[in-house]
């Protein structure tokens, strides 16, 4: 996202001489990388404001292909178009993941009202988050030069030390796994507020992890750890956006039903109206349906988590066997 084809061409010229630069204590590559990166960050900061200045047409079918995702834009126009598609895709995922359970039963007018409101909310949220990340880099307290220098040195170290590389990738996986346990703990205590707070943090850790992985190359041309970590983060992101919202929905409905049931039982049978009976039955049916949906989500989470953990352990062991010598 950050660099253009021309940028990569300029940087690629140093592909075979970085080792010589290190020996000679030369920083030409680092200086060029820092200058280009700083320029592109400022450019993307401006483009993000332009892209999100107007509402996205959520009814317009568009494609964001793998080729687009894995290639560098040729110019500013192409960079703006790529940024637009990334923002729109992320926004649509947020809208879908947080769509109210009764959306399909709403009238077309109410559906449009919700869509327009959600589009504005998540579009604004996306651009503010994006610009905040850029500002944090550009206004790094240790200066942009030192910030890039630290990343450069860490990257060089990882190229020679498989332990450092493995630990950096593992930390991204671990943060999400630990945060997921916080979500489950809040759910077990039926604490809706903490559940939502922990779920939001899980999504943030997953997004931050993807950003790190996208800037991280393989170790000695081995990208298996990155691929496996991305699979894990994809699971955690889907869990946070889709499955955990179903469990939260059940907790809300369970809490609401408890109030309705208490009020219903407080009335003598001979004073209950048909409206009271119907309201109780509707709430009971609603909470039972939400429970079934939540249980299906729990089963799916457990199954998928086991696959993710087993896959991680297998790939990690193969990586260790391939790059860490035994004596």
Protein backbone atom coordinates (compact mmCIF):
# COMPACT_ATOMS: atom_id res chain seq x y z
CA UNK A 1 0.00 0.00 0.00
CA UNK A 2 2.76 2.44 0.93
CA UNK A 3 5.16 2.21 -2.00
CA UNK A 4 4.79 2.66 -5.76
CA UNK A 5 6.38 0.58 -8.51
CA UNK A 6 8.96 3.32 -9.04
CA UNK A 7 9.81 3.30 -5.33
CA UNK A 8 10.42 -0.44 -5.36
CA UNK A 9 12.60 -0.13 -8.46
CA UNK A 10 14.78 2.44 -6.71
CA UNK A 11 15.06 0.34 -3.55
CA UNK A 12 15.66 -2.89 -5.48
CA UNK A 13 18.91 -1.45 -6.78
CA UNK A 14 20.35 -2.08 -3.30
CA UNK A 15 19.22 -5.74 -3.14
CA UNK A 16 22.71 -7.15 -3.64
CA UNK A 17 24.77 -4.47 -1.90
CA UNK A 18 23.15 -4.09 1.53
CA UNK A 19 25.68 -6.47 3.05
CA UNK A 20 28.49 -4.31 1.66
CA UNK A 21 26.82 -1.20 3.07
CA UNK A 22 26.73 -2.79 6.52
CA UNK A 23 30.43 -3.69 6.35
CA UNK A 24 31.33 -0.17 5.19
CA UNK A 25 28.95 1.48 7.70
CA UNK A 26 27.14 3.10 4.79
CA UNK A 27 23.51 4.22 5.23
CA UNK A 28 22.55 5.17 1.67
CA UNK A 29 19.82 2.52 1.45
CA UNK A 30 18.39 3.40 4.85
CA UNK A 31 18.40 7.12 4.01
CA UNK A 32 16.59 6.50 0.72
CA UNK A 33 14.07 4.14 2.34
CA UNK A 34 13.32 6.65 5.11
CA UNK A 35 12.87 9.54 2.67
CA UNK A 36 10.54 7.55 0.40
CA UNK A 37 8.53 6.10 3.26
CA UNK A 38 8.07 9.51 4.86
CA UNK A 39 6.95 10.97 1.54
CA UNK A 40 4.44 8.17 0.93
CA UNK A 41 3.01 8.40 4.45
CA UNK A 42 2.30 12.10 3.95
CA UNK A 43 0.79 11.36 0.55
CA UNK A 44 -1.46 8.60 1.90
CA UNK A 45 -2.53 10.84 4.75
CA UNK A 46 -3.83 13.34 2.19
CA UNK A 47 -5.32 10.65 -0.08
CA UNK A 48 -7.21 9.03 2.79
CA UNK A 49 -9.00 12.32 3.47
CA UNK A 50 -9.94 12.61 -0.21
CA UNK A 51 -11.09 8.99 -0.46
CA UNK A 52 -13.31 9.22 2.62
CA UNK A 53 -14.66 12.71 1.95
CA UNK A 54 -17.75 11.29 0.21
CA UNK A 55 -19.98 8.32 1.12
CA UNK A 56 -19.12 4.95 -0.39
CA UNK A 57 -21.76 3.44 -2.65
CA UNK A 58 -22.38 0.17 -0.77
CA UNK A 59 -24.79 -1.00 -3.49
CA UNK A 60 -22.12 -0.80 -6.19
CA UNK A 61 -20.53 -4.21 -6.82
CA UNK A 62 -16.74 -3.90 -7.08
CA UNK A 63 -13.78 -6.28 -6.99
CA UNK A 64 -10.52 -6.10 -5.13
CA UNK A 65 -8.41 -8.80 -6.71
CA UNK A 66 -5.40 -10.68 -5.38
CA UNK A 67 -3.35 -9.09 -8.16
CA UNK A 68 -4.32 -5.62 -6.92
CA UNK A 69 -3.62 -6.55 -3.32
CA UNK A 70 -0.14 -7.93 -4.02
CA UNK A 71 1.08 -5.35 -6.54
CA UNK A 72 2.40 -1.82 -6.16
CA UNK A 73 0.43 1.08 -7.67
CA UNK A 74 2.00 2.72 -10.72
CA UNK A 75 1.13 6.29 -9.74
CA UNK A 76 -0.83 8.50 -7.35
CA UNK A 77 -4.13 7.84 -9.11
CA UNK A 78 -3.65 4.09 -8.80
CA UNK A 79 -2.61 4.49 -5.16
CA UNK A 80 -5.80 6.44 -4.44
CA UNK A 81 -7.92 3.77 -6.14
CA UNK A 82 -6.26 0.99 -4.16
CA UNK A 83 -6.72 2.88 -0.91
CA UNK A 84 -10.39 3.44 -1.75
CA UNK A 85 -10.98 -0.28 -2.31
CA UNK A 86 -9.16 -1.25 0.88
CA UNK A 87 -11.17 1.23 2.93
CA UNK A 88 -14.46 0.18 1.35
CA UNK A 89 -13.72 -3.52 1.87
CA UNK A 90 -12.82 -3.00 5.53
CA UNK A 91 -15.88 -0.81 6.05
CA UNK A 92 -18.22 -3.40 4.50
CA UNK A 93 -16.73 -6.12 6.71
CA UNK A 94 -17.41 -3.96 9.79
CA UNK A 95 -20.96 -3.25 8.64
CA UNK A 96 -21.66 -6.92 7.98
CA UNK A 97 -20.12 -8.04 11.25
CA UNK A 98 -22.16 -5.57 13.29
CA UNK A 99 -25.42 -5.77 11.37
CA UNK A 100 -28.44 -6.05 13.70
CA UNK A 101 -29.95 -9.53 13.93
CA UNK A 102 -33.35 -8.27 12.72
CA UNK A 103 -31.95 -6.43 9.68
CA UNK A 104 -33.67 -8.70 7.14
CA UNK A 105 -37.05 -8.14 8.79
CA UNK A 106 -36.78 -4.35 8.56
CA UNK A 107 -38.62 -2.41 5.91
CA UNK A 108 -36.57 -1.17 2.92
CA UNK A 109 -36.76 2.36 4.35
CA UNK A 110 -35.35 1.27 7.73
CA UNK A 111 -32.71 -0.90 6.05
CA UNK A 112 -31.50 2.09 4.03
CA UNK A 113 -31.56 4.26 7.15
CA UNK A 114 -29.35 1.76 8.97
CA UNK A 115 -27.02 1.32 5.97
CA UNK A 116 -26.55 5.06 5.49
CA UNK A 117 -25.90 5.58 9.19
CA UNK A 118 -23.49 2.64 9.48
CA UNK A 119 -21.64 3.64 6.30
CA UNK A 120 -20.97 7.13 7.65
CA UNK A 121 -19.91 5.79 11.05
CA UNK A 122 -17.48 3.11 9.84
CA UNK A 123 -16.06 5.24 7.00
CA UNK A 124 -15.18 7.97 9.49
CA UNK A 125 -13.78 5.39 11.91
CA UNK A 126 -11.57 3.87 9.21
CA UNK A 127 -10.02 7.14 8.07
CA UNK A 128 -9.42 8.37 11.64
CA UNK A 129 -7.70 5.11 12.60
CA UNK A 130 -5.60 5.15 9.44
CA UNK A 131 -4.53 8.78 9.87
CA UNK A 132 -3.73 8.19 13.55
CA UNK A 133 -1.35 5.36 12.64
CA UNK A 134 0.41 7.58 10.11
CA UNK A 135 0.69 10.43 12.61
CA UNK A 136 2.18 8.07 15.21
CA UNK A 137 4.95 7.16 12.76
CA UNK A 138 5.62 10.66 11.40
CA UNK A 139 5.62 12.19 14.89
CA UNK A 140 7.53 9.39 16.57
CA UNK A 141 9.08 10.79 19.78
CA UNK A 142 12.47 9.35 18.81
CA UNK A 143 12.30 10.94 15.32
CA UNK A 144 11.42 9.32 12.03
CA UNK A 145 15.08 8.58 11.28
CA UNK A 146 15.64 6.64 14.50
CA UNK A 147 12.29 4.86 14.10
CA UNK A 148 13.28 3.58 10.65
CA UNK A 149 16.79 2.81 11.85
CA UNK A 150 15.42 0.57 14.60
CA UNK A 151 13.19 -1.30 12.16
CA UNK A 152 16.11 -1.69 9.75
CA UNK A 153 18.39 -3.12 12.44
CA UNK A 154 15.67 -5.46 13.73
CA UNK A 155 15.05 -6.71 10.20
CA UNK A 156 18.74 -7.34 9.61
CA UNK A 157 18.93 -9.21 12.93
CA UNK A 158 15.98 -11.40 11.97
CA UNK A 159 17.66 -12.32 8.70
CA UNK A 160 20.47 -13.94 10.67
CA UNK A 161 18.67 -15.11 13.82
CA UNK A 162 15.72 -17.50 13.39
CA UNK A 163 14.90 -17.16 17.11
CA UNK A 164 14.31 -13.41 16.78
CA UNK A 165 12.24 -13.93 13.64
CA UNK A 166 10.13 -16.70 15.15
CA UNK A 167 9.52 -14.72 18.35
CA UNK A 168 8.37 -11.63 16.47
CA UNK A 169 5.82 -13.63 14.46
CA UNK A 170 4.74 -15.67 17.49
CA UNK A 171 4.06 -12.49 19.50
CA UNK A 172 1.40 -11.46 16.96
CA UNK A 173 -0.29 -14.84 17.33
CA UNK A 174 0.06 -14.85 21.12
CA UNK A 175 -1.49 -11.39 21.60
CA UNK A 176 -4.66 -12.47 19.79
CA UNK A 177 -4.82 -15.84 21.54
CA UNK A 178 -4.45 -14.20 24.96
CA UNK A 179 -7.02 -11.54 24.12
CA UNK A 180 -9.45 -14.23 22.97
CA UNK A 181 -9.14 -15.84 26.41
CA UNK A 182 -10.08 -12.46 27.92
CA UNK A 183 -13.22 -12.42 25.77
CA UNK A 184 -14.18 -15.91 26.88
CA UNK A 185 -13.59 -15.02 30.53
CA UNK A 186 -15.93 -12.02 30.21
CA UNK A 187 -18.53 -14.20 28.47
CA UNK A 188 -18.36 -16.81 31.25
CA UNK A 189 -19.07 -14.03 33.75
CA UNK A 190 -21.91 -12.70 31.54
CA UNK A 191 -20.28 -9.29 31.57
CA UNK A 192 -21.53 -7.73 28.32
CA UNK A 193 -19.51 -4.53 28.62
CA UNK A 194 -16.20 -6.32 29.18
CA UNK A 195 -17.06 -8.81 26.45
CA UNK A 196 -17.46 -6.02 23.91
CA UNK A 197 -14.33 -4.24 25.12
CA UNK A 198 -12.29 -7.43 24.86
CA UNK A 199 -13.79 -8.24 21.45
CA UNK A 200 -12.81 -4.79 20.13
CA UNK A 201 -9.27 -5.26 21.45
CA UNK A 202 -9.08 -8.67 19.73
CA UNK A 203 -9.98 -7.09 16.40
CA UNK A 204 -7.37 -4.37 16.92
CA UNK A 205 -4.64 -6.91 17.71
CA UNK A 206 -5.57 -8.88 14.57
CA UNK A 207 -5.47 -5.77 12.36
CA UNK A 208 -2.18 -4.64 13.89
CA UNK A 209 -0.77 -8.11 13.31
CA UNK A 210 -1.69 -8.07 9.64
CA UNK A 211 0.04 -4.69 9.27
CA UNK A 212 3.26 -6.09 10.76
CA UNK A 213 3.14 -9.26 8.66
CA UNK A 214 2.57 -7.27 5.47
CA UNK A 215 5.86 -5.46 6.08
CA UNK A 216 7.75 -8.59 7.17
CA UNK A 217 9.57 -10.77 4.69
CA UNK A 218 10.36 -14.44 4.98
CA UNK A 219 13.34 -15.91 6.81
CA UNK A 220 15.88 -17.21 4.33
CA UNK A 221 13.07 -17.27 1.69
CA UNK A 222 10.85 -19.25 4.07
CA UNK A 223 7.44 -17.54 4.43
CA UNK A 224 5.63 -20.42 6.14
CA UNK A 225 5.51 -18.72 9.53
CA UNK A 226 3.96 -15.61 8.00
CA UNK A 227 1.37 -17.64 6.10
CA UNK A 228 0.41 -19.62 9.19
CA UNK A 229 0.18 -16.50 11.34
CA UNK A 230 -2.05 -14.83 8.74
CA UNK A 231 -4.35 -17.87 8.83
CA UNK A 232 -4.53 -17.56 12.62
CA UNK A 233 -5.21 -13.81 12.51
CA UNK A 234 -7.91 -14.40 9.89
CA UNK A 235 -9.59 -16.82 12.31
CA UNK A 236 -9.38 -14.35 15.21
CA UNK A 237 -10.71 -11.52 13.04
CA UNK A 238 -13.65 -13.59 11.80
CA UNK A 239 -14.31 -14.74 15.36
CA UNK A 240 -14.34 -11.17 16.62
CA UNK A 241 -16.43 -9.71 13.82
CA UNK A 242 -18.97 -12.49 13.37
CA UNK A 243 -19.10 -15.34 15.89
CA UNK A 244 -18.53 -13.41 19.11
CA UNK A 245 -21.21 -10.88 18.15
CA UNK A 246 -23.72 -13.76 18.10
CA UNK A 247 -22.69 -14.71 21.63
CA UNK A 248 -22.96 -11.08 22.75
CA UNK A 249 -26.40 -10.92 21.17
CA UNK A 250 -27.46 -13.94 23.24
CA UNK A 251 -26.16 -12.34 26.45
CA UNK A 252 -28.15 -9.20 25.71
CA UNK A 253 -31.31 -11.15 24.95
CA UNK A 254 -30.80 -13.30 28.05
CA UNK A 255 -30.47 -10.18 30.19
CA UNK A 256 -33.56 -8.66 28.59
CA UNK A 257 -35.56 -11.87 29.01
CA UNK A 258 -34.68 -12.04 32.72
CA UNK A 259 -36.27 -8.61 33.20
CA UNK A 260 -39.35 -9.56 31.18
CA UNK A 261 -39.70 -12.85 33.05
CA UNK A 262 -39.36 -11.18 36.44
CA UNK A 263 -42.02 -8.62 35.52
CA UNK A 264 -44.28 -11.34 34.11
CA UNK A 265 -44.01 -13.60 37.16
CA UNK A 266 -44.61 -10.67 39.47
CA UNK A 267 -48.15 -10.37 38.12
CA UNK A 268 -50.84 -12.74 39.42
CA UNK A 269 -52.02 -15.17 36.74
CA UNK A 270 -55.54 -13.80 36.76
CA UNK A 271 -54.30 -10.26 36.05
CA UNK A 272 -52.05 -11.08 33.09
CA UNK A 273 -53.29 -9.79 29.76
CA UNK A 274 -52.98 -11.42 26.35
CA UNK A 275 -50.36 -8.79 25.59
CA UNK A 276 -48.38 -9.91 28.66
CA UNK A 277 -48.56 -13.57 27.56
CA UNK A 278 -47.60 -12.80 23.98
CA UNK A 279 -44.72 -10.59 25.07
CA UNK A 280 -43.37 -13.30 27.36
CA UNK A 281 -43.68 -16.01 24.70
CA UNK A 282 -42.00 -13.84 22.08
CA UNK A 283 -39.12 -13.00 24.41
CA UNK A 284 -38.72 -16.67 25.36
CA UNK A 285 -38.64 -17.76 21.73
CA UNK A 286 -36.17 -14.98 20.94
CA UNK A 287 -33.73 -15.90 23.71
CA UNK A 288 -33.97 -19.63 22.86
CA UNK A 289 -33.18 -18.91 19.23
CA UNK A 290 -30.27 -16.68 20.24
CA UNK A 291 -28.99 -19.45 22.52
CA UNK A 292 -29.02 -22.01 19.69
CA UNK A 293 -27.18 -19.57 17.42
CA UNK A 294 -24.62 -18.81 20.13
CA UNK A 295 -24.00 -22.52 20.79
CA UNK A 296 -23.38 -23.12 17.10
CA UNK A 297 -20.87 -20.27 17.15
CA UNK A 298 -19.13 -21.74 20.21
CA UNK A 299 -18.83 -25.14 18.52
CA UNK A 300 -17.48 -23.51 15.38
CA UNK A 301 -14.97 -21.43 17.35
CA UNK A 302 -13.65 -24.48 19.23
CA UNK A 303 -13.31 -26.53 16.05
CA UNK A 304 -11.61 -23.77 14.06
CA UNK A 305 -9.36 -22.77 16.97
CA UNK A 306 -8.10 -26.34 17.33
CA UNK A 307 -7.26 -26.40 13.61
CA UNK A 308 -5.45 -23.08 13.87
CA UNK A 309 -3.42 -24.11 16.93
CA UNK A 310 -2.50 -27.51 15.49
CA UNK A 311 -1.47 -25.94 12.21
CA UNK A 312 0.61 -23.33 14.03
CA UNK A 313 2.39 -25.97 16.12
CA UNK A 314 3.15 -28.13 13.06
CA UNK A 315 4.50 -25.27 10.94
CA UNK A 316 6.47 -23.82 13.84
CA UNK A 317 8.14 -27.18 14.50
CA UNK A 318 9.05 -27.55 10.82
CA UNK A 319 10.49 -24.03 10.83
CA UNK A 320 12.58 -24.82 13.90
CA UNK A 321 13.80 -28.09 12.41
CA UNK A 322 14.78 -26.35 9.17
CA UNK A 323 16.56 -23.29 10.55
CA UNK A 324 17.73 -24.06 14.09
CA UNK A 325 20.58 -26.60 14.23
CA UNK A 326 20.61 -29.43 16.76
CA UNK A 327 23.76 -30.52 18.54
